[in-house]
Amino acid sequence: MVPERIPDLEAFSILEGTIDGYRIVATIREGLHNCKSKSGMPWFLGFSTPLSDRTAEGLPTEQETGDLNRWEDILDQNIRSQCQCIFIGRVTWRGNRELLYYVVRPEQVVTEIEKLISHQALRPFAYRYEHDPQWSNVSIYLHVRSG
């Protein structure tokens, strides 16, 4: 069964707030809260890396931002080359950056991610994946409206 194509929406919202006394900044793809094709990409795939150079608020410094962008670009290229996916967005909170994706099937991309980790080709990071056809892992971001 081929999943319906989820639109490749290019607009993102920046959501900012405070959780547990820490500033949180999330850049989330717009329009996904009404997307009817979520079941076509039922696997959540999240990546997290600690910030090595951060502000007192736990956000990246200008230098760190460049390093994070390179890390994100390499991961994104690897993911997109291995499977059908949609990038939901990124979240920075408590000195960590997390990338949020949904994929059709995680097996192939997980193999490539394991290679990146074992070769220590990138900054240290962890990942997790789980079957999440309702997109519960990102629902908090999809239902918030930026102001």
N, C-alpha and C. Protein backbone atom coordinates (compact mmCIF):
# COMPACT_ATOMS: atom_id res chain seq x y z
N MET A 1 0.84 -1.18 0.00
CA MET A 1 0.00 0.00 0.00
C MET A 1 0.88 1.24 0.00
N VAL A 2 0.70 2.11 -0.94
CA VAL A 2 1.44 3.36 -1.04
C VAL A 2 0.69 4.44 -0.27
N PRO A 3 1.36 5.10 0.68
CA PRO A 3 0.66 6.12 1.46
C PRO A 3 0.33 7.33 0.61
N GLU A 4 -0.74 8.03 1.00
CA GLU A 4 -1.04 9.29 0.33
C GLU A 4 0.12 10.23 0.56
N ARG A 5 0.36 11.08 -0.41
CA ARG A 5 1.46 12.02 -0.28
C ARG A 5 1.07 13.14 0.68
N ILE A 6 1.92 13.35 1.68
CA ILE A 6 1.71 14.47 2.58
C ILE A 6 2.32 15.69 1.90
N PRO A 7 1.59 16.78 1.83
CA PRO A 7 2.11 17.95 1.13
C PRO A 7 3.44 18.42 1.73
N ASP A 8 4.36 18.83 0.87
CA ASP A 8 5.64 19.34 1.31
C ASP A 8 5.49 20.83 1.58
N LEU A 9 4.95 21.13 2.73
CA LEU A 9 4.69 22.51 3.10
C LEU A 9 6.00 23.17 3.51
N GLU A 10 6.22 24.36 3.02
CA GLU A 10 7.48 25.04 3.28
C GLU A 10 7.39 26.07 4.39
N ALA A 11 6.20 26.43 4.82
CA ALA A 11 6.06 27.46 5.84
C ALA A 11 6.23 26.85 7.24
N PHE A 12 6.96 27.56 8.08
CA PHE A 12 7.19 27.14 9.45
C PHE A 12 6.76 28.25 10.40
N SER A 13 6.31 27.85 11.57
CA SER A 13 6.00 28.79 12.64
C SER A 13 7.06 28.65 13.72
N ILE A 14 7.39 29.76 14.35
CA ILE A 14 8.30 29.73 15.48
C ILE A 14 7.46 29.91 16.73
N LEU A 15 7.52 28.91 17.59
CA LEU A 15 6.78 28.91 18.84
C LEU A 15 7.78 29.12 19.97
N GLU A 16 7.49 30.05 20.86
CA GLU A 16 8.38 30.33 21.97
C GLU A 16 7.59 30.35 23.27
N GLY A 17 8.23 29.93 24.33
CA GLY A 17 7.58 29.93 25.63
C GLY A 17 8.55 29.49 26.70
N THR A 18 8.00 29.13 27.84
CA THR A 18 8.78 28.66 28.97
C THR A 18 8.12 27.40 29.52
N ILE A 19 8.95 26.38 29.75
CA ILE A 19 8.47 25.13 30.36
C ILE A 19 9.43 24.81 31.49
N ASP A 20 8.89 24.57 32.66
CA ASP A 20 9.69 24.24 33.85
C ASP A 20 10.80 25.27 34.10
N GLY A 21 10.51 26.54 33.78
CA GLY A 21 11.48 27.60 34.02
C GLY A 21 12.54 27.75 32.95
N TYR A 22 12.48 26.97 31.89
CA TYR A 22 13.45 27.04 30.80
C TYR A 22 12.77 27.55 29.53
N ARG A 23 13.47 28.39 28.81
CA ARG A 23 12.95 28.89 27.54
C ARG A 23 12.95 27.77 26.52
N ILE A 24 11.87 27.69 25.74
CA ILE A 24 11.75 26.70 24.67
C ILE A 24 11.47 27.44 23.37
N VAL A 25 12.15 27.04 22.31
CA VAL A 25 11.93 27.59 20.98
C VAL A 25 11.72 26.40 20.04
N ALA A 26 10.59 26.39 19.36
CA ALA A 26 10.27 25.32 18.42
C ALA A 26 9.98 25.93 17.05
N THR A 27 10.56 25.37 16.03
CA THR A 27 10.28 25.75 14.65
C THR A 27 9.54 24.57 14.04
N ILE A 28 8.24 24.76 13.78
CA ILE A 28 7.36 23.66 13.40
C ILE A 28 6.70 23.94 12.05
N ARG A 29 6.69 22.93 11.20
CA ARG A 29 6.06 23.04 9.87
C ARG A 29 4.58 23.35 10.04
N GLU A 30 4.10 24.34 9.32
CA GLU A 30 2.70 24.74 9.40
C GLU A 30 1.80 23.81 8.58
N GLY A 31 0.55 23.78 8.95
CA GLY A 31 -0.47 23.09 8.17
C GLY A 31 -0.61 21.61 8.44
N LEU A 32 0.18 21.06 9.33
CA LEU A 32 0.11 19.62 9.57
C LEU A 32 -1.02 19.22 10.50
N HIS A 33 -1.55 20.15 11.27
CA HIS A 33 -2.63 19.80 12.20
C HIS A 33 -3.89 19.36 11.46
N ASN A 34 -4.07 19.82 10.23
CA ASN A 34 -5.23 19.44 9.42
C ASN A 34 -4.91 18.36 8.39
N CYS A 35 -3.69 17.88 8.36
CA CYS A 35 -3.28 16.91 7.36
C CYS A 35 -4.00 15.58 7.59
N LYS A 36 -4.66 15.10 6.56
CA LYS A 36 -5.43 13.86 6.66
C LYS A 36 -4.59 12.61 6.35
N SER A 37 -3.37 12.79 5.87
CA SER A 37 -2.54 11.67 5.43
C SER A 37 -1.51 11.22 6.45
N LYS A 38 -1.67 11.59 7.69
CA LYS A 38 -0.68 11.24 8.71
C LYS A 38 -0.45 9.74 8.82
N SER A 39 -1.48 8.96 8.62
CA SER A 39 -1.34 7.51 8.78
C SER A 39 -0.38 6.92 7.75
N GLY A 40 -0.10 7.63 6.68
CA GLY A 40 0.84 7.17 5.67
C GLY A 40 2.29 7.20 6.15
N MET A 41 2.55 7.94 7.22
CA MET A 41 3.89 8.00 7.81
C MET A 41 3.75 7.77 9.31
N PRO A 42 3.59 6.52 9.72
CA PRO A 42 3.24 6.23 11.11
C PRO A 42 4.40 6.10 12.09
N TRP A 43 5.64 6.29 11.63
CA TRP A 43 6.78 6.10 12.51
C TRP A 43 7.43 7.41 12.88
N PHE A 44 7.48 7.69 14.18
CA PHE A 44 8.17 8.87 14.69
C PHE A 44 9.66 8.58 14.75
N LEU A 45 10.46 9.56 14.37
CA LEU A 45 11.91 9.46 14.41
C LEU A 45 12.43 10.77 14.98
N GLY A 46 13.05 10.71 16.15
CA GLY A 46 13.55 11.91 16.82
C GLY A 46 15.03 11.82 17.08
N PHE A 47 15.72 12.95 16.91
CA PHE A 47 17.16 13.04 17.14
C PHE A 47 17.42 14.12 18.16
N SER A 48 18.34 13.89 19.06
CA SER A 48 18.64 14.87 20.10
C SER A 48 20.14 15.00 20.28
N THR A 49 20.60 16.25 20.41
CA THR A 49 22.01 16.50 20.68
C THR A 49 22.12 17.57 21.76
N PRO A 50 23.05 17.39 22.68
CA PRO A 50 23.25 18.44 23.68
C PRO A 50 24.00 19.62 23.05
N LEU A 51 23.66 20.81 23.49
CA LEU A 51 24.37 21.99 23.02
C LEU A 51 25.72 22.06 23.73
N SER A 52 26.78 22.29 22.99
CA SER A 52 28.10 22.39 23.61
C SER A 52 28.45 23.83 23.95
N ASP A 53 27.74 24.77 23.38
CA ASP A 53 27.98 26.19 23.65
C ASP A 53 26.61 26.86 23.69
N ARG A 54 26.16 27.18 24.90
CA ARG A 54 24.81 27.69 25.03
C ARG A 54 24.75 28.93 25.91
N THR A 55 23.65 29.64 25.75
CA THR A 55 23.40 30.82 26.56
C THR A 55 22.90 30.40 27.94
N ALA A 56 22.76 31.37 28.83
CA ALA A 56 22.24 31.09 30.17
C ALA A 56 20.82 30.54 30.11
N GLU A 57 20.09 30.85 29.04
CA GLU A 57 18.72 30.35 28.88
C GLU A 57 18.67 28.94 28.30
N GLY A 58 19.83 28.37 27.98
CA GLY A 58 19.87 27.03 27.42
C GLY A 58 19.68 26.99 25.92
N LEU A 59 19.86 28.13 25.26
CA LEU A 59 19.73 28.21 23.80
C LEU A 59 21.12 28.30 23.18
N PRO A 60 21.26 27.96 21.91
CA PRO A 60 22.59 27.96 21.29
C PRO A 60 23.14 29.37 21.07
N THR A 61 24.46 29.47 21.20
CA THR A 61 25.13 30.70 20.84
C THR A 61 25.20 30.78 19.31
N GLU A 62 25.67 31.91 18.80
CA GLU A 62 25.77 32.07 17.34
C GLU A 62 26.71 31.02 16.74
N GLN A 63 27.84 30.77 17.38
CA GLN A 63 28.79 29.75 16.92
C GLN A 63 28.14 28.37 16.90
N GLU A 64 27.43 28.05 17.97
CA GLU A 64 26.77 26.74 18.09
C GLU A 64 25.69 26.58 17.02
N THR A 65 25.01 27.65 16.70
CA THR A 65 23.96 27.59 15.68
C THR A 65 24.50 27.09 14.35
N GLY A 66 25.67 27.55 13.95
CA GLY A 66 26.28 27.07 12.71
C GLY A 66 26.59 25.59 12.76
N ASP A 67 27.12 25.13 13.89
CA ASP A 67 27.42 23.71 14.05
C ASP A 67 26.15 22.87 14.02
N LEU A 68 25.10 23.36 14.67
CA LEU A 68 23.81 22.66 14.66
C LEU A 68 23.23 22.58 13.25
N ASN A 69 23.33 23.66 12.51
CA ASN A 69 22.80 23.66 11.14
C ASN A 69 23.50 22.63 10.27
N ARG A 70 24.82 22.50 10.42
CA ARG A 70 25.55 21.48 9.64
C ARG A 70 25.10 20.07 10.05
N TRP A 71 24.96 19.84 11.35
CA TRP A 71 24.48 18.55 11.86
C TRP A 71 23.10 18.23 11.30
N GLU A 72 22.20 19.20 11.35
CA GLU A 72 20.84 19.00 10.84
C GLU A 72 20.83 18.71 9.35
N ASP A 73 21.64 19.44 8.59
CA ASP A 73 21.68 19.23 7.14
C ASP A 73 22.15 17.82 6.78
N ILE A 74 23.19 17.34 7.46
CA ILE A 74 23.71 16.00 7.17
C ILE A 74 22.69 14.94 7.54
N LEU A 75 22.08 15.07 8.72
CA LEU A 75 21.05 14.10 9.11
C LEU A 75 19.89 14.12 8.13
N ASP A 76 19.44 15.30 7.76
CA ASP A 76 18.31 15.42 6.85
C ASP A 76 18.62 14.76 5.50
N GLN A 77 19.81 15.00 4.97
CA GLN A 77 20.20 14.37 3.70
C GLN A 77 20.20 12.85 3.82
N ASN A 78 20.71 12.34 4.93
CA ASN A 78 20.74 10.89 5.13
C ASN A 78 19.33 10.32 5.23
N ILE A 79 18.48 10.97 5.97
CA ILE A 79 17.11 10.48 6.13
C ILE A 79 16.38 10.49 4.80
N ARG A 80 16.43 11.60 4.10
CA ARG A 80 15.71 11.74 2.82
C ARG A 80 16.24 10.79 1.76
N SER A 81 17.51 10.44 1.83
CA SER A 81 18.06 9.51 0.83
C SER A 81 17.65 8.06 1.11
N GLN A 82 17.18 7.78 2.32
CA GLN A 82 16.89 6.40 2.71
C GLN A 82 15.40 6.07 2.77
N CYS A 83 14.56 7.08 2.93
CA CYS A 83 13.14 6.76 3.09
C CYS A 83 12.27 7.98 2.81
N GLN A 84 11.00 7.70 2.64
CA GLN A 84 10.02 8.77 2.50
C GLN A 84 9.76 9.33 3.89
N CYS A 85 9.83 10.66 4.03
CA CYS A 85 9.70 11.25 5.35
C CYS A 85 9.07 12.64 5.26
N ILE A 86 8.73 13.15 6.41
CA ILE A 86 8.34 14.55 6.53
C ILE A 86 9.02 15.10 7.77
N PHE A 87 9.68 16.23 7.58
CA PHE A 87 10.32 16.93 8.67
C PHE A 87 9.27 17.78 9.37
N ILE A 88 9.05 17.51 10.65
CA ILE A 88 8.05 18.24 11.42
C ILE A 88 8.64 19.55 11.93
N GLY A 89 9.85 19.47 12.44
CA GLY A 89 10.49 20.68 12.95
C GLY A 89 11.59 20.37 13.93
N ARG A 90 12.00 21.43 14.63
CA ARG A 90 13.06 21.27 15.62
C ARG A 90 12.68 22.03 16.88
N VAL A 91 13.18 21.52 18.00
CA VAL A 91 12.87 22.09 19.30
C VAL A 91 14.17 22.27 20.06
N THR A 92 14.34 23.44 20.65
CA THR A 92 15.50 23.71 21.50
C THR A 92 14.99 24.03 22.89
N TRP A 93 15.50 23.26 23.88
CA TRP A 93 15.03 23.42 25.25
C TRP A 93 16.01 22.78 26.21
N ARG A 94 16.29 23.43 27.29
CA ARG A 94 17.16 22.90 28.36
C ARG A 94 18.52 22.45 27.85
N GLY A 95 19.09 23.20 26.93
CA GLY A 95 20.42 22.88 26.44
C GLY A 95 20.49 21.73 25.46
N ASN A 96 19.37 21.41 24.82
CA ASN A 96 19.33 20.33 23.82
C ASN A 96 18.60 20.79 22.57
N ARG A 97 18.95 20.20 21.44
CA ARG A 97 18.24 20.41 20.18
C ARG A 97 17.68 19.08 19.76
N GLU A 98 16.40 19.06 19.38
CA GLU A 98 15.75 17.84 18.92
C GLU A 98 15.17 18.08 17.54
N LEU A 99 15.37 17.13 16.64
CA LEU A 99 14.77 17.14 15.31
C LEU A 99 13.65 16.12 15.28
N LEU A 100 12.53 16.48 14.67
CA LEU A 100 11.33 15.65 14.67
C LEU A 100 10.94 15.27 13.25
N TYR A 101 10.82 13.98 13.00
CA TYR A 101 10.44 13.47 11.68
C TYR A 101 9.35 12.41 11.84
N TYR A 102 8.63 12.19 10.76
CA TYR A 102 7.81 10.99 10.62
C TYR A 102 8.21 10.34 9.32
N VAL A 103 8.28 9.00 9.35
CA VAL A 103 8.73 8.23 8.19
C VAL A 103 7.75 7.10 7.92
N VAL A 104 7.81 6.59 6.69
CA VAL A 104 6.97 5.46 6.31
C VAL A 104 7.45 4.21 7.04
N ARG A 105 8.76 3.94 6.94
CA ARG A 105 9.36 2.77 7.59
C ARG A 105 10.74 3.18 8.09
N PRO A 106 11.09 2.84 9.32
CA PRO A 106 12.35 3.32 9.89
C PRO A 106 13.58 2.44 9.64
N GLU A 107 13.40 1.21 9.20
CA GLU A 107 14.49 0.25 9.18
C GLU A 107 15.72 0.73 8.42
N GLN A 108 15.52 1.17 7.20
CA GLN A 108 16.65 1.54 6.36
C GLN A 108 17.38 2.76 6.91
N VAL A 109 16.63 3.76 7.35
CA VAL A 109 17.28 4.97 7.86
C VAL A 109 17.99 4.69 9.18
N VAL A 110 17.46 3.82 10.01
CA VAL A 110 18.10 3.49 11.28
C VAL A 110 19.48 2.87 11.03
N THR A 111 19.59 2.04 10.03
CA THR A 111 20.87 1.44 9.67
C THR A 111 21.89 2.53 9.33
N GLU A 112 21.48 3.50 8.54
CA GLU A 112 22.38 4.60 8.17
C GLU A 112 22.73 5.47 9.37
N ILE A 113 21.78 5.72 10.23
CA ILE A 113 22.04 6.52 11.42
C ILE A 113 23.04 5.81 12.33
N GLU A 114 22.89 4.51 12.47
CA GLU A 114 23.84 3.74 13.28
C GLU A 114 25.26 3.85 12.71
N LYS A 115 25.38 3.88 11.39
CA LYS A 115 26.70 4.05 10.77
C LYS A 115 27.29 5.42 11.11
N LEU A 116 26.47 6.46 11.05
CA LEU A 116 26.95 7.80 11.40
C LEU A 116 27.43 7.84 12.85
N ILE A 117 26.70 7.21 13.73
CA ILE A 117 27.08 7.19 15.14
C ILE A 117 28.37 6.41 15.34
N SER A 118 28.47 5.23 14.73
CA SER A 118 29.65 4.39 14.93
C SER A 118 30.92 5.00 14.33
N HIS A 119 30.77 5.76 13.25
CA HIS A 119 31.94 6.40 12.64
C HIS A 119 32.26 7.73 13.30
N GLN A 120 31.44 8.14 14.24
CA GLN A 120 31.62 9.42 14.93
C GLN A 120 31.84 10.56 13.94
N ALA A 121 31.07 10.51 12.85
CA ALA A 121 31.20 11.50 11.79
C ALA A 121 30.54 12.84 12.14
N LEU A 122 29.68 12.82 13.13
CA LEU A 122 28.95 14.02 13.52
C LEU A 122 29.12 14.28 15.01
N ARG A 123 28.59 15.39 15.44
CA ARG A 123 28.56 15.68 16.87
C ARG A 123 27.80 14.57 17.59
N PRO A 124 28.02 14.36 18.86
CA PRO A 124 27.30 13.30 19.58
C PRO A 124 25.79 13.54 19.54
N PHE A 125 25.04 12.48 19.31
CA PHE A 125 23.59 12.58 19.31
C PHE A 125 22.97 11.24 19.61
N ALA A 126 21.74 11.30 20.04
CA ALA A 126 20.95 10.09 20.30
C ALA A 126 19.73 10.15 19.39
N TYR A 127 19.11 9.01 19.20
CA TYR A 127 17.88 8.99 18.41
C TYR A 127 16.94 7.95 19.01
N ARG A 128 15.70 8.11 18.64
CA ARG A 128 14.70 7.11 19.02
C ARG A 128 13.65 7.06 17.92
N TYR A 129 13.01 5.91 17.83
CA TYR A 129 11.91 5.79 16.89
C TYR A 129 10.84 4.92 17.52
N GLU A 130 9.61 5.19 17.13
CA GLU A 130 8.49 4.39 17.64
C GLU A 130 7.30 4.52 16.71
N HIS A 131 6.49 3.50 16.72
CA HIS A 131 5.27 3.51 15.93
C HIS A 131 4.30 4.48 16.59
N ASP A 132 3.87 5.49 15.85
CA ASP A 132 3.03 6.56 16.39
C ASP A 132 2.09 7.06 15.29
N PRO A 133 1.13 6.23 14.86
CA PRO A 133 0.28 6.62 13.74
C PRO A 133 -0.61 7.83 14.01
N GLN A 134 -0.83 8.18 15.27
CA GLN A 134 -1.64 9.35 15.61
C GLN A 134 -0.81 10.62 15.74
N TRP A 135 0.50 10.50 15.58
CA TRP A 135 1.44 11.62 15.73
C TRP A 135 1.32 12.25 17.11
N SER A 136 1.15 11.42 18.11
CA SER A 136 1.03 11.89 19.50
C SER A 136 2.29 12.58 19.99
N ASN A 137 3.45 12.14 19.51
CA ASN A 137 4.71 12.74 19.96
C ASN A 137 4.86 14.21 19.61
N VAL A 138 4.14 14.67 18.62
CA VAL A 138 4.26 16.07 18.19
C VAL A 138 2.95 16.84 18.31
N SER A 139 1.94 16.21 18.86
CA SER A 139 0.61 16.86 18.89
C SER A 139 0.63 18.18 19.64
N ILE A 140 1.45 18.31 20.66
CA ILE A 140 1.52 19.57 21.41
C ILE A 140 1.95 20.72 20.50
N TYR A 141 2.79 20.46 19.53
CA TYR A 141 3.28 21.51 18.63
C TYR A 141 2.30 21.79 17.49
N LEU A 142 1.59 20.76 17.05
CA LEU A 142 0.71 20.93 15.89
C LEU A 142 -0.58 21.67 16.23
N HIS A 143 -0.93 21.73 17.49
CA HIS A 143 -2.19 22.37 17.87
C HIS A 143 -2.00 23.75 18.47
N VAL A 144 -0.76 24.21 18.55
CA VAL A 144 -0.49 25.54 19.08
C VAL A 144 -0.41 26.50 17.91
N ARG A 145 -1.01 27.63 18.05
CA ARG A 145 -0.96 28.66 17.01
C ARG A 145 0.08 29.69 17.42
N SER A 146 0.94 30.05 16.47
CA SER A 146 1.90 31.10 16.78
C SER A 146 1.20 32.45 16.74
N GLY A 147 1.68 33.36 17.52
CA GLY A 147 1.03 34.65 17.61
C GLY A 147 1.85 35.67 16.99
